[in-house]
Amino acid sequence: MKAGPILAIIILLGYVGFELYTLSRLGYRMEPLYIFERFAAVEHAMERCGEADADLQNRFTRNMATVQSRARRELVEQNPEQSPEMIDRLMAEIIQSQEAEVDALIAELGCDDIEIFKLTRGYENRARLNLG
């Protein structure tokens, strides 16, 4: 066999391996609970440091409801023995945790910092999604 096809196969296998590695490292970003956490964080950042018109708020709220429903289903699947009240508490804890992180970031950096800008921009981007 010639060296060209062997080299092409090695390169292809290396590329596929790299892609699989990258997907495995970033896979958590597709998890419903992670997505819900990010929605909760950007919502709180916008409440504290931004302004959104009524249309943007309505679109974000609709998408947030969809994400929250998916996260709730995920929690039920992960914790089938838990009561609905306990699932509600877990959801509330997720929101409180994200709000505390955003509050700490605002206290440290202020609303004019680039990190807060990224969060408020994330609100706008998530409002543009068509999840519902």
Protein backbone atom coordinates (compact mmCIF):
# COMPACT_ATOMS: atom_id res chain seq x y z
CA MET A 1 0.00 0.00 0.00
CA LYS A 2 1.22 3.47 -0.77
CA ALA A 3 2.00 6.02 1.94
CA GLY A 4 -0.62 8.55 0.73
CA PRO A 5 -3.74 6.48 1.55
CA ILE A 6 -2.25 5.34 4.86
CA LEU A 7 -1.48 8.93 5.81
CA ALA A 8 -5.01 9.99 4.80
CA ILE A 9 -6.51 7.27 7.01
CA ILE A 10 -4.33 8.29 9.96
CA ILE A 11 -5.32 11.93 9.54
CA LEU A 12 -9.00 11.00 9.25
CA LEU A 13 -8.85 8.84 12.38
CA GLY A 14 -7.05 11.62 14.25
CA TYR A 15 -9.68 14.12 13.21
CA VAL A 16 -12.56 11.84 14.24
CA GLY A 17 -10.84 11.18 17.57
CA PHE A 18 -10.40 14.91 18.17
CA GLU A 19 -14.06 15.61 17.36
CA LEU A 20 -15.25 12.86 19.71
CA TYR A 21 -13.01 14.20 22.46
CA THR A 22 -14.35 17.72 21.97
CA LEU A 23 -17.95 16.53 22.04
CA SER A 24 -17.37 14.55 25.21
CA ARG A 25 -15.86 17.62 26.91
CA LEU A 26 -18.67 19.95 25.87
CA GLY A 27 -21.57 17.50 26.10
CA TYR A 28 -22.74 18.90 29.44
CA ARG A 29 -23.70 22.11 27.64
CA MET A 30 -26.53 20.21 26.00
CA GLU A 31 -27.93 18.94 29.30
CA PRO A 32 -31.33 20.39 30.24
CA LEU A 33 -30.24 21.28 33.76
CA TYR A 34 -27.16 23.18 32.54
CA ILE A 35 -29.28 25.07 30.01
CA PHE A 36 -31.80 25.91 32.74
CA GLU A 37 -28.99 27.17 34.98
CA ARG A 38 -27.76 29.49 32.23
CA PHE A 39 -31.29 30.78 31.61
CA ALA A 40 -31.70 31.50 35.34
CA ALA A 41 -28.36 33.33 35.46
CA VAL A 42 -29.01 35.55 32.46
CA GLU A 43 -32.53 36.33 33.65
CA HIS A 44 -31.22 37.53 37.00
CA ALA A 45 -28.43 39.55 35.37
CA MET A 46 -30.98 41.29 33.17
CA GLU A 47 -33.21 41.99 36.17
CA ARG A 48 -30.31 43.54 38.06
CA CYS A 49 -28.34 45.33 35.34
CA GLY A 50 -30.29 45.52 32.11
CA GLU A 51 -33.48 46.65 30.51
CA ALA A 52 -35.66 44.57 28.26
CA ASP A 53 -38.77 45.73 26.45
CA ALA A 54 -42.05 43.85 26.88
CA ASP A 55 -41.67 41.87 23.65
CA LEU A 56 -38.18 40.67 24.59
CA GLN A 57 -39.38 39.74 28.08
CA ASN A 58 -42.34 37.79 26.68
CA ARG A 59 -40.15 35.85 24.28
CA PHE A 60 -37.59 35.10 26.99
CA THR A 61 -40.30 34.02 29.43
CA ARG A 62 -41.79 31.64 26.85
CA ASN A 63 -38.37 30.08 26.16
CA MET A 64 -37.57 29.94 29.89
CA ALA A 65 -40.81 28.01 30.51
CA THR A 66 -39.83 25.46 27.87
CA VAL A 67 -36.33 25.04 29.30
CA GLN A 68 -37.69 24.85 32.84
CA SER A 69 -40.13 22.12 31.81
CA ARG A 70 -37.32 20.09 30.23
CA ALA A 71 -35.13 20.56 33.30
CA ARG A 72 -37.99 19.44 35.55
CA ARG A 73 -38.45 16.28 33.46
CA GLU A 74 -34.71 15.64 33.71
CA LEU A 75 -34.81 15.98 37.51
CA VAL A 76 -37.79 13.61 37.70
CA GLU A 77 -35.91 11.07 35.57
CA GLN A 78 -32.80 11.38 37.71
CA ASN A 79 -34.76 11.28 40.99
CA PRO A 80 -37.87 9.16 40.40
CA GLU A 81 -38.29 8.56 44.15
CA GLN A 82 -38.63 12.31 44.87
CA SER A 83 -42.00 13.94 45.39
CA PRO A 84 -43.16 16.79 43.16
CA GLU A 85 -42.59 19.15 46.10
CA MET A 86 -38.98 18.01 46.39
CA ILE A 87 -38.48 18.52 42.65
CA ASP A 88 -39.88 22.05 43.06
CA ARG A 89 -37.38 22.65 45.87
CA LEU A 90 -34.52 21.39 43.69
CA MET A 91 -35.59 23.73 40.89
CA ALA A 92 -35.77 26.63 43.34
CA GLU A 93 -32.29 25.77 44.65
CA ILE A 94 -30.91 25.87 41.12
CA ILE A 95 -32.40 29.32 40.59
CA GLN A 96 -31.16 30.59 43.96
CA SER A 97 -27.67 29.27 43.28
CA GLN A 98 -27.48 31.01 39.92
CA GLU A 99 -28.85 34.24 41.35
CA ALA A 100 -26.26 34.14 44.15
CA GLU A 101 -23.46 33.68 41.61
CA VAL A 102 -24.70 36.60 39.54
CA ASP A 103 -25.11 38.76 42.65
CA ALA A 104 -21.54 37.97 43.70
CA LEU A 105 -20.28 38.83 40.23
CA ILE A 106 -22.16 42.13 40.26
CA ALA A 107 -20.89 42.95 43.76
CA GLU A 108 -17.32 42.26 42.66
CA LEU A 109 -17.30 43.74 39.17
CA GLY A 110 -20.34 46.00 38.90
CA CYS A 111 -22.97 46.15 36.19
CA ASP A 112 -20.62 47.80 33.69
CA ASP A 113 -18.22 44.86 33.54
CA ILE A 114 -17.88 42.78 30.37
CA GLU A 115 -18.98 39.60 32.18
CA ILE A 116 -22.29 41.17 33.13
CA PHE A 117 -22.62 42.51 29.59
CA LYS A 118 -22.18 38.95 28.31
CA LEU A 119 -24.93 37.74 30.62
CA THR A 120 -27.36 40.45 29.58
CA ARG A 121 -26.51 39.79 25.94
CA GLY A 122 -27.19 36.12 26.67
CA TYR A 123 -30.68 37.12 27.78
CA GLU A 124 -31.30 38.76 24.43
CA ASN A 125 -29.90 35.77 22.54
CA ARG A 126 -32.02 33.31 24.50
CA ALA A 127 -35.11 35.43 23.91
CA ARG A 128 -34.55 35.11 20.17
CA LEU A 129 -34.65 31.32 20.30
CA ASN A 130 -37.84 29.63 19.15
CA LEU A 131 -38.13 26.89 21.78
CA GLY A 132 -41.85 26.93 22.45
